[in-house]
C-alpha atoms as a PDB file:
ATOM      1  CA  MET A   1    -104.650  41.898 -11.225  1.00  0.00           C
ATOM      2  CA  SER A   2    -105.949  41.877  -7.674  1.00  0.00           C
ATOM      3  CA  ASP A   3    -108.686  39.337  -8.405  1.00  0.00           C
ATOM      4  CA  ALA A   4    -106.593  36.154  -8.255  1.00  0.00           C
ATOM      5  CA  ILE A   5    -109.699  33.955  -8.604  1.00  0.00           C
ATOM      6  CA  ASN A   6    -110.158  35.146 -12.203  1.00  0.00           C
ATOM      7  CA  LEU A   7    -106.473  34.569 -12.916  1.00  0.00           C
ATOM      8  CA  ARG A   8    -106.409  30.888 -12.009  1.00  0.00           C
ATOM      9  CA  PRO A   9    -104.745  28.741 -14.656  1.00  0.00           C
ATOM     10  CA  THR A  10    -106.720  26.464 -16.936  1.00  0.00           C
ATOM     11  CA  LEU A  11    -105.434  22.967 -16.198  1.00  0.00           C
ATOM     12  CA  LEU A  12    -105.069  19.875 -18.348  1.00  0.00           C
ATOM     13  CA  GLN A  13    -105.570  16.707 -16.302  1.00  0.00           C
ATOM     14  CA  PRO A  14    -103.687  13.560 -17.381  1.00  0.00           C
ATOM     15  CA  ASP A  15    -105.853  10.685 -18.584  1.00  0.00           C
ATOM     16  CA  TRP A  16    -104.065   7.704 -17.063  1.00  0.00           C
ATOM     17  CA  PRO A  17    -104.783   4.944 -14.506  1.00  0.00           C
ATOM     18  CA  ALA A  18    -102.773   6.521 -11.671  1.00  0.00           C
ATOM     19  CA  PRO A  19    -103.818   5.787  -8.063  1.00  0.00           C
ATOM     20  CA  THR A  20    -106.153   8.335  -6.515  1.00  0.00           C
ATOM     21  CA  ASN A  21    -103.504   9.824  -4.223  1.00  0.00           C
ATOM     22  CA  VAL A  22    -101.354  10.824  -7.203  1.00  0.00           C
ATOM     23  CA  ARG A  23    -102.258  14.306  -8.404  1.00  0.00           C
ATOM     24  CA  ALA A  24    -101.001  15.886 -11.592  1.00  0.00           C
ATOM     25  CA  PHE A  25    -101.784  18.541 -14.170  1.00  0.00           C
ATOM     26  CA  VAL A  26    -100.321  20.645 -16.962  1.00  0.00           C
ATOM     27  CA  THR A  27    -101.009  24.370 -17.125  1.00  0.00           C
ATOM     28  CA  THR A  28    -102.130  25.908 -20.417  1.00  0.00           C
ATOM     29  CA  ARG A  29    -101.955  29.455 -21.747  1.00  0.00           C
ATOM     30  CA  GLU A  30    -105.739  29.911 -21.757  1.00  0.00           C
ATOM     31  CA  SER A  31    -106.073  32.022 -18.601  1.00  0.00           C
ATOM     32  CA  GLY A  32    -103.816  33.941 -16.244  1.00  0.00           C
ATOM     33  CA  PRO A  33    -102.033  37.272 -15.698  1.00  0.00           C
ATOM     34  CA  SER A  34     -99.279  37.026 -18.320  1.00  0.00           C
ATOM     35  CA  GLN A  35     -99.578  39.375 -21.285  1.00  0.00           C
ATOM     36  CA  GLY A  36     -98.451  39.804 -24.881  1.00  0.00           C
ATOM     37  CA  ASP A  37     -96.287  37.022 -26.284  1.00  0.00           C
ATOM     38  CA  PHE A  38     -96.392  35.309 -22.877  1.00  0.00           C
ATOM     39  CA  ALA A  39    -100.173  35.301 -22.399  1.00  0.00           C
ATOM     40  CA  ALA A  40    -101.676  33.978 -20.335  1.00  0.00           C
ATOM     41  CA  PHE A  41     -99.996  31.777 -17.691  1.00  0.00           C
ATOM     42  CA  ASN A  42     -96.211  31.731 -17.871  1.00  0.00           C
ATOM     43  CA  THR A  43     -94.201  30.493 -14.882  1.00  0.00           C
ATOM     44  CA  ALA A  44     -90.783  30.583 -16.597  1.00  0.00           C
ATOM     45  CA  SER A  45     -88.449  33.285 -15.294  1.00  0.00           C
ATOM     46  CA  HIS A  46     -85.811  32.897 -18.036  1.00  0.00           C
ATOM     47  CA  VAL A  47     -87.800  33.784 -21.166  1.00  0.00           C
ATOM     48  CA  GLY A  48     -87.962  37.595 -20.946  1.00  0.00           C
ATOM     49  CA  ASP A  49     -91.427  37.921 -19.438  1.00  0.00           C
ATOM     50  CA  ASN A  50     -92.388  40.592 -16.908  1.00  0.00           C
ATOM     51  CA  ALA A  51     -90.930  39.437 -13.589  1.00  0.00           C
ATOM     52  CA  ASP A  52     -94.001  40.510 -11.607  1.00  0.00           C
ATOM     53  CA  HIS A  53     -96.295  38.522 -13.885  1.00  0.00           C
ATOM     54  CA  VAL A  54     -94.080  35.443 -13.563  1.00  0.00           C
ATOM     55  CA  ALA A  55     -94.028  35.764  -9.781  1.00  0.00           C
ATOM     56  CA  LEU A  56     -97.810  36.040  -9.677  1.00  0.00           C
ATOM     57  CA  CYS A  57     -98.191  32.994 -11.924  1.00  0.00           C
ATOM     58  CA  ARG A  58     -95.917  31.046  -9.611  1.00  0.00           C
ATOM     59  CA  ARG A  59     -97.961  32.074  -6.577  1.00  0.00           C
ATOM     60  CA  LEU A  60    -101.165  31.060  -8.329  1.00  0.00           C
ATOM     61  CA  LEU A  61     -99.587  27.756  -9.340  1.00  0.00           C
ATOM     62  CA  GLN A  62     -98.574  27.127  -5.747  1.00  0.00           C
ATOM     63  CA  LYS A  63    -102.167  27.663  -4.606  1.00  0.00           C
ATOM     64  CA  GLU A  64    -103.363  24.964  -6.990  1.00  0.00           C
ATOM     65  CA  ILE A  65    -101.413  22.324  -5.060  1.00  0.00           C
ATOM     66  CA  GLY A  66    -101.623  23.916  -1.610  1.00  0.00           C
ATOM     67  CA  ASP A  67     -99.293  26.319   0.135  1.00  0.00           C
ATOM     68  CA  GLU A  68     -98.126  23.604   2.530  1.00  0.00           C
ATOM     69  CA  ARG A  69     -96.406  21.696  -0.286  1.00  0.00           C
ATOM     70  CA  PRO A  70     -93.621  23.651  -2.052  1.00  0.00           C
ATOM     71  CA  LEU A  71     -92.737  23.225  -5.697  1.00  0.00           C
ATOM     72  CA  LEU A  72     -89.338  21.793  -6.548  1.00  0.00           C
ATOM     73  CA  TRP A  73     -88.101  24.099  -9.312  1.00  0.00           C
ATOM     74  CA  LEU A  74     -85.400  22.957 -11.721  1.00  0.00           C
ATOM     75  CA  ASN A  75     -82.878  24.798 -13.843  1.00  0.00           C
ATOM     76  CA  GLN A  76     -83.362  22.651 -16.925  1.00  0.00           C
ATOM     77  CA  THR A  77     -80.257  21.975 -19.013  1.00  0.00           C
ATOM     78  CA  HIS A  78     -81.506  19.390 -21.575  1.00  0.00           C
ATOM     79  CA  GLY A  79     -79.551  16.770 -19.671  1.00  0.00           C
ATOM     80  CA  ALA A  80     -80.365  13.598 -17.768  1.00  0.00           C
ATOM     81  CA  ARG A  81     -79.855  14.472 -14.101  1.00  0.00           C
ATOM     82  CA  VAL A  82     -82.683  13.546 -11.720  1.00  0.00           C
ATOM     83  CA  GLN A  83     -83.250  15.588  -8.546  1.00  0.00           C
ATOM     84  CA  GLN A  84     -84.297  13.216  -5.742  1.00  0.00           C
ATOM     85  CA  PHE A  85     -84.870  15.518  -2.762  1.00  0.00           C
ATOM     86  CA  TYR A  86     -86.262  18.986  -2.085  1.00  0.00           C
ATOM     87  CA  GLN A  87     -84.155  22.118  -2.306  1.00  0.00           C
ATOM     88  CA  PRO A  88     -85.583  25.635  -2.033  1.00  0.00           C
ATOM     89  CA  ASP A  89     -83.394  26.991  -4.833  1.00  0.00           C
ATOM     90  CA  ALA A  90     -83.588  25.772  -8.423  1.00  0.00           C
ATOM     91  CA  VAL A  91     -81.105  22.993  -9.140  1.00  0.00           C
ATOM     92  CA  ASP A  92     -79.578  21.877 -12.448  1.00  0.00           C
ATOM     93  CA  ALA A  93     -81.655  18.860 -13.459  1.00  0.00           C
ATOM     94  CA  ASP A  94     -84.199  17.777 -16.054  1.00  0.00           C
ATOM     95  CA  ALA A  95     -86.235  15.373 -13.948  1.00  0.00           C
ATOM     96  CA  ALA A  96     -87.431  15.158 -10.366  1.00  0.00           C
ATOM     97  CA  ILE A  97     -88.772  12.382  -8.165  1.00  0.00           C
ATOM     98  CA  ALA A  98     -90.733  12.445  -4.895  1.00  0.00           C
ATOM     99  CA  THR A  99     -91.399   9.603  -2.468  1.00  0.00           C
ATOM    100  CA  SER A 100     -93.454  11.590   0.055  1.00  0.00           C
ATOM    101  CA  ASN A 101     -96.071  14.331   0.087  1.00  0.00           C
ATOM    102  CA  GLU A 102     -93.572  16.962   1.233  1.00  0.00           C
ATOM    103  CA  TYR A 103     -93.113  18.673  -2.155  1.00  0.00           C
ATOM    104  CA  ALA A 104     -94.367  18.688  -5.747  1.00  0.00           C
ATOM    105  CA  CYS A 105     -92.240  18.030  -8.825  1.00  0.00           C
ATOM    106  CA  VAL A 106     -92.442  20.392 -11.808  1.00  0.00           C
ATOM    107  CA  VAL A 107     -90.882  20.796 -15.248  1.00  0.00           C
ATOM    108  CA  LEU A 108     -91.436  23.563 -17.802  1.00  0.00           C
ATOM    109  CA  THR A 109     -91.946  22.927 -21.525  1.00  0.00           C
ATOM    110  CA  ALA A 110     -92.988  24.614 -24.767  1.00  0.00           C
ATOM    111  CA  ASP A 111     -92.566  21.840 -27.411  1.00  0.00           C
ATOM    112  CA  CYS A 112     -90.346  19.475 -25.422  1.00  0.00           C
ATOM    113  CA  LEU A 113     -92.076  16.440 -23.986  1.00  0.00           C
ATOM    114  CA  PRO A 114     -93.116  16.336 -20.314  1.00  0.00           C
ATOM    115  CA  VAL A 115     -93.215  12.738 -19.073  1.00  0.00           C
ATOM    116  CA  MET A 116     -94.997  11.883 -15.813  1.00  0.00           C
ATOM    117  CA  PHE A 117     -94.344   8.723 -13.811  1.00  0.00           C
ATOM    118  CA  CYS A 118     -95.822   6.991 -10.790  1.00  0.00           C
ATOM    119  CA  ASN A 119     -95.838   3.521  -9.307  1.00  0.00           C
ATOM    120  CA  ARG A 120     -99.046   1.523  -8.891  1.00  0.00           C
ATOM    121  CA  SER A 121     -99.169   2.032  -5.120  1.00  0.00           C
ATOM    122  CA  GLY A 122     -98.772   5.804  -5.376  1.00  0.00           C
ATOM    123  CA  THR A 123     -95.677   5.964  -3.185  1.00  0.00           C
ATOM    124  CA  GLN A 124     -93.453   7.395  -5.932  1.00  0.00           C
ATOM    125  CA  VAL A 125     -93.997  10.109  -8.533  1.00  0.00           C
ATOM    126  CA  ALA A 126     -91.666  11.732 -11.023  1.00  0.00           C
ATOM    127  CA  VAL A 127     -91.644  14.057 -14.014  1.00  0.00           C
ATOM    128  CA  ALA A 128     -89.054  14.492 -16.756  1.00  0.00           C
ATOM    129  CA  HIS A 129     -88.342  17.230 -19.296  1.00  0.00           C
ATOM    130  CA  ALA A 130     -87.602  15.329 -22.498  1.00  0.00           C
ATOM    131  CA  GLY A 131     -86.713  17.262 -25.611  1.00  0.00           C
ATOM    132  CA  TRP A 132     -84.686  15.467 -28.246  1.00  0.00           C
ATOM    133  CA  ARG A 133     -81.421  16.126 -26.407  1.00  0.00           C
ATOM    134  CA  GLY A 134     -82.803  14.782 -23.143  1.00  0.00           C
ATOM    135  CA  LEU A 135     -84.265  11.726 -24.832  1.00  0.00           C
ATOM    136  CA  ALA A 136     -81.003  10.990 -26.613  1.00  0.00           C
ATOM    137  CA  GLY A 137     -79.063  11.680 -23.426  1.00  0.00           C
ATOM    138  CA  GLY A 138     -81.052   9.197 -21.343  1.00  0.00           C
ATOM    139  CA  VAL A 139     -83.295  11.326 -19.138  1.00  0.00           C
ATOM    140  CA  LEU A 140     -86.073   8.721 -19.204  1.00  0.00           C
ATOM    141  CA  GLU A 141     -83.663   5.921 -18.393  1.00  0.00           C
ATOM    142  CA  ALA A 142     -82.244   7.951 -15.510  1.00  0.00           C
ATOM    143  CA  THR A 143     -85.724   8.655 -14.136  1.00  0.00           C
ATOM    144  CA  VAL A 144     -86.753   5.003 -14.243  1.00  0.00           C
ATOM    145  CA  ALA A 145     -83.476   4.036 -12.575  1.00  0.00           C
ATOM    146  CA  ALA A 146     -84.085   6.591  -9.811  1.00  0.00           C
ATOM    147  CA  MET A 147     -87.499   5.051  -9.116  1.00  0.00           C
ATOM    148  CA  ASN A 148     -85.681   1.771  -8.377  1.00  0.00           C
ATOM    149  CA  THR A 149     -88.720  -0.428  -8.852  1.00  0.00           C
ATOM    150  CA  ASP A 150     -89.975  -3.154 -11.193  1.00  0.00           C
ATOM    151  CA  PRO A 151     -90.569  -1.490 -14.593  1.00  0.00           C
ATOM    152  CA  ASP A 152     -93.915  -3.277 -14.792  1.00  0.00           C
ATOM    153  CA  ASP A 153     -94.943  -1.337 -11.668  1.00  0.00           C
ATOM    154  CA  ILE A 154     -94.450   2.025 -13.407  1.00  0.00           C
ATOM    155  CA  LEU A 155     -97.240   4.012 -15.067  1.00  0.00           C
ATOM    156  CA  VAL A 156     -96.376   6.791 -17.523  1.00  0.00           C
ATOM    157  CA  TRP A 157     -98.248   9.667 -19.127  1.00  0.00           C
ATOM    158  CA  LEU A 158     -96.858  11.566 -22.109  1.00  0.00           C
ATOM    159  CA  GLY A 159     -97.935  15.214 -21.967  1.00  0.00           C
ATOM    160  CA  PRO A 160     -98.197  18.001 -24.546  1.00  0.00           C
ATOM    161  CA  ALA A 161     -95.286  18.151 -26.996  1.00  0.00           C
ATOM    162  CA  ILE A 162     -94.700  19.084 -30.606  1.00  0.00           C
ATOM    163  CA  SER A 163     -95.948  16.463 -33.078  1.00  0.00           C
ATOM    164  CA  ASN A 164     -93.824  14.881 -35.776  1.00  0.00           C
ATOM    165  CA  ALA A 165     -95.806  16.749 -38.455  1.00  0.00           C
ATOM    166  CA  GLN A 166     -94.405  20.026 -37.067  1.00  0.00           C
ATOM    167  CA  PHE A 167     -90.968  18.983 -35.800  1.00  0.00           C
ATOM    168  CA  GLU A 168     -88.372  19.155 -38.551  1.00  0.00           C
ATOM    169  CA  VAL A 169     -84.841  18.259 -37.434  1.00  0.00           C
ATOM    170  CA  GLY A 170     -81.436  17.955 -39.024  1.00  0.00           C
ATOM    171  CA  PRO A 171     -79.335  14.852 -39.658  1.00  0.00           C
ATOM    172  CA  GLU A 172     -77.508  15.318 -36.349  1.00  0.00           C
ATOM    173  CA  VAL A 173     -80.724  14.578 -34.449  1.00  0.00           C
ATOM    174  CA  TYR A 174     -81.451  11.510 -36.563  1.00  0.00           C
ATOM    175  CA  GLY A 175     -77.884  10.305 -36.035  1.00  0.00           C
ATOM    176  CA  ALA A 176     -77.966  10.840 -32.269  1.00  0.00           C
ATOM    177  CA  PHE A 177     -80.727   8.246 -31.946  1.00  0.00           C
ATOM    178  CA  VAL A 178     -80.142   5.817 -34.795  1.00  0.00           C
ATOM    179  CA  ALA A 179     -76.428   5.400 -34.101  1.00  0.00           C
ATOM    180  CA  VAL A 180     -77.305   3.981 -30.678  1.00  0.00           C
ATOM    181  CA  HIS A 181     -80.655   2.309 -31.442  1.00  0.00           C
ATOM    182  CA  PRO A 182     -81.092   1.605 -35.182  1.00  0.00           C
ATOM    183  CA  ASP A 183     -84.761   0.711 -34.659  1.00  0.00           C
ATOM    184  CA  THR A 184     -85.545   4.319 -33.790  1.00  0.00           C
ATOM    185  CA  ALA A 185     -85.261   5.137 -37.502  1.00  0.00           C
ATOM    186  CA  ASP A 186     -88.994   4.345 -37.558  1.00  0.00           C
ATOM    187  CA  ALA A 187     -89.601   7.524 -35.529  1.00  0.00           C
ATOM    188  CA  PHE A 188     -88.267   9.724 -38.349  1.00  0.00           C
ATOM    189  CA  ASP A 189     -89.891  10.560 -41.674  1.00  0.00           C
ATOM    190  CA  HIS A 190     -88.050  12.305 -44.471  1.00  0.00           C
ATOM    191  CA  SER A 191     -88.858  16.001 -44.451  1.00  0.00           C
ATOM    192  CA  PRO A 192     -90.997  17.243 -47.346  1.00  0.00           C
ATOM    193  CA  TYR A 193     -89.424  20.665 -46.870  1.00  0.00           C
ATOM    194  CA  ARG A 194     -85.652  20.204 -46.901  1.00  0.00           C
ATOM    195  CA  LEU A 195     -83.421  17.512 -48.348  1.00  0.00           C
ATOM    196  CA  GLY A 196     -81.509  15.569 -45.688  1.00  0.00           C
ATOM    197  CA  HIS A 197     -83.837  16.619 -42.898  1.00  0.00           C
ATOM    198  CA  TYR A 198     -86.410  14.629 -40.972  1.00  0.00           C
ATOM    199  CA  MET A 199     -89.736  14.967 -39.194  1.00  0.00           C
ATOM    200  CA  ALA A 200     -89.056  13.577 -35.704  1.00  0.00           C
ATOM    201  CA  ASP A 201     -91.695  11.915 -33.522  1.00  0.00           C
ATOM    202  CA  LEU A 202     -90.859  12.644 -29.872  1.00  0.00           C
ATOM    203  CA  TYR A 203     -93.718  10.455 -28.688  1.00  0.00           C
ATOM    204  CA  ARG A 204     -92.477   7.396 -30.598  1.00  0.00           C
ATOM    205  CA  LEU A 205     -88.922   8.022 -29.450  1.00  0.00           C
ATOM    206  CA  ALA A 206     -90.082   8.209 -25.817  1.00  0.00           C
ATOM    207  CA  ARG A 207     -92.148   5.031 -26.165  1.00  0.00           C
ATOM    208  CA  PHE A 208     -89.179   3.232 -27.703  1.00  0.00           C
ATOM    209  CA  ARG A 209     -86.890   4.234 -24.855  1.00  0.00           C
ATOM    210  CA  LEU A 210     -89.445   3.334 -22.167  1.00  0.00           C
ATOM    211  CA  GLU A 211     -90.406  -0.011 -23.694  1.00  0.00           C
ATOM    212  CA  ALA A 212     -86.723  -0.919 -24.022  1.00  0.00           C
ATOM    213  CA  LEU A 213     -86.617  -0.589 -20.220  1.00  0.00           C
ATOM    214  CA  GLY A 214     -89.675  -2.799 -19.764  1.00  0.00           C
ATOM    215  CA  VAL A 215     -92.071   0.101 -19.109  1.00  0.00           C
ATOM    216  CA  TYR A 216     -95.203  -0.643 -21.154  1.00  0.00           C
ATOM    217  CA  HIS A 217     -98.035   1.073 -19.259  1.00  0.00           C
ATOM    218  CA  ILE A 218     -97.904   4.317 -21.246  1.00  0.00           C
ATOM    219  CA  SER A 219    -100.779   6.749 -21.748  1.00  0.00           C
ATOM    220  CA  GLY A 220    -101.113  10.099 -23.509  1.00  0.00           C
ATOM    221  CA  GLY A 221     -99.005  11.187 -26.452  1.00  0.00           C
ATOM    222  CA  HIS A 222    -101.712  12.615 -28.701  1.00  0.00           C
ATOM    223  CA  PHE A 223    -101.067  16.367 -28.461  1.00  0.00           C
ATOM    224  CA  CYS A 224     -99.325  18.933 -30.647  1.00  0.00           C
ATOM    225  CA  THR A 225     -98.104  22.091 -28.964  1.00  0.00           C
ATOM    226  CA  ALA A 226     -97.368  23.741 -32.309  1.00  0.00           C
ATOM    227  CA  CYS A 227    -100.890  23.048 -33.625  1.00  0.00           C
ATOM    228  CA  GLU A 228    -102.994  23.844 -30.557  1.00  0.00           C
ATOM    229  CA  SER A 229    -103.252  27.482 -29.504  1.00  0.00           C
ATOM    230  CA  ARG A 230    -103.886  26.549 -25.861  1.00  0.00           C
ATOM    231  CA  PHE A 231    -100.222  25.537 -25.589  1.00  0.00           C
ATOM    232  CA  TYR A 232     -96.994  27.511 -25.740  1.00  0.00           C
ATOM    233  CA  SER A 233     -94.788  26.501 -28.665  1.00  0.00           C
ATOM    234  CA  TYR A 234     -91.197  27.651 -28.975  1.00  0.00           C
ATOM    235  CA  ARG A 235     -91.052  26.695 -32.645  1.00  0.00           C
ATOM    236  CA  ARG A 236     -94.414  28.104 -33.696  1.00  0.00           C
ATOM    237  CA  ASP A 237     -93.891  31.366 -31.808  1.00  0.00           C
ATOM    238  CA  GLY A 238     -90.372  32.027 -33.034  1.00  0.00           C
ATOM    239  CA  GLY A 239     -88.714  31.417 -29.682  1.00  0.00           C
ATOM    240  CA  LYS A 240     -90.474  34.252 -27.845  1.00  0.00           C
ATOM    241  CA  THR A 241     -93.057  32.525 -25.705  1.00  0.00           C
ATOM    242  CA  GLY A 242     -93.844  31.221 -22.222  1.00  0.00           C
ATOM    243  CA  ARG A 243     -93.746  27.737 -20.767  1.00  0.00           C
ATOM    244  CA  MET A 244     -96.342  25.255 -19.532  1.00  0.00           C
ATOM    245  CA  ALA A 245     -95.788  23.758 -16.083  1.00  0.00           C
ATOM    246  CA  SER A 246     -96.231  19.999 -15.672  1.00  0.00           C
ATOM    247  CA  VAL A 247     -96.727  19.277 -11.964  1.00  0.00           C
ATOM    248  CA  ILE A 248     -97.085  15.983 -10.082  1.00  0.00           C
ATOM    249  CA  TRP A 249     -97.251  15.166  -6.383  1.00  0.00           C
ATOM    250  CA  ILE A 250     -98.434  12.660  -3.796  1.00  0.00           C
ATOM    251  CA  ASN A 251    -101.585  13.954  -2.109  1.00  0.00           C
END
């Protein structure tokens, strides 16, 4: 593993109209040093992977954005807290925002939805980890509030997440959304597999929440982590898998 050039991650670039000084990508599992169930580029330290492989992946990830700009790591809790300044140690939060080029924001996912934000002038960037609990708990609303700008000034990209065709949920998930916003019933189809269960559409739920805030400039949302082998998928892989890193910063 001494040849770090051959271990560079394969990166997915967002397709969105962000200003040129906003840089962002999502890692995939296509190349890197991780092995076995965690192949090939896992930066998550909490999933049971070899610690040396994780550390190497994190060093390689850092090189992709430049060693002068540290990554702001989060201890994700499926909540709605937004970290708004740099700390060297991981903090409990599920979203991060940056208003300078001093650090990069990152969240880790493997079926949950990574949501990237920026303003039109490129002076603010943010990323949120939005699984169903985070969406229901208001992580997108909290991120938009932290940006403290006109919602029409915000651009959003919806990254790789599990599709509704693969995401069966119980009635408690349906109830968590519909009890608060009845219109979100449109984001759930009845499951063909189990009575009383639903196929949930994270992308539609995210769009509903964002548009309710006045955020309409939304790109992405056409992936399926459970269907595409280039992505980690917690559900497809039985819970033993790595995580993709969604990174955004001001260049």
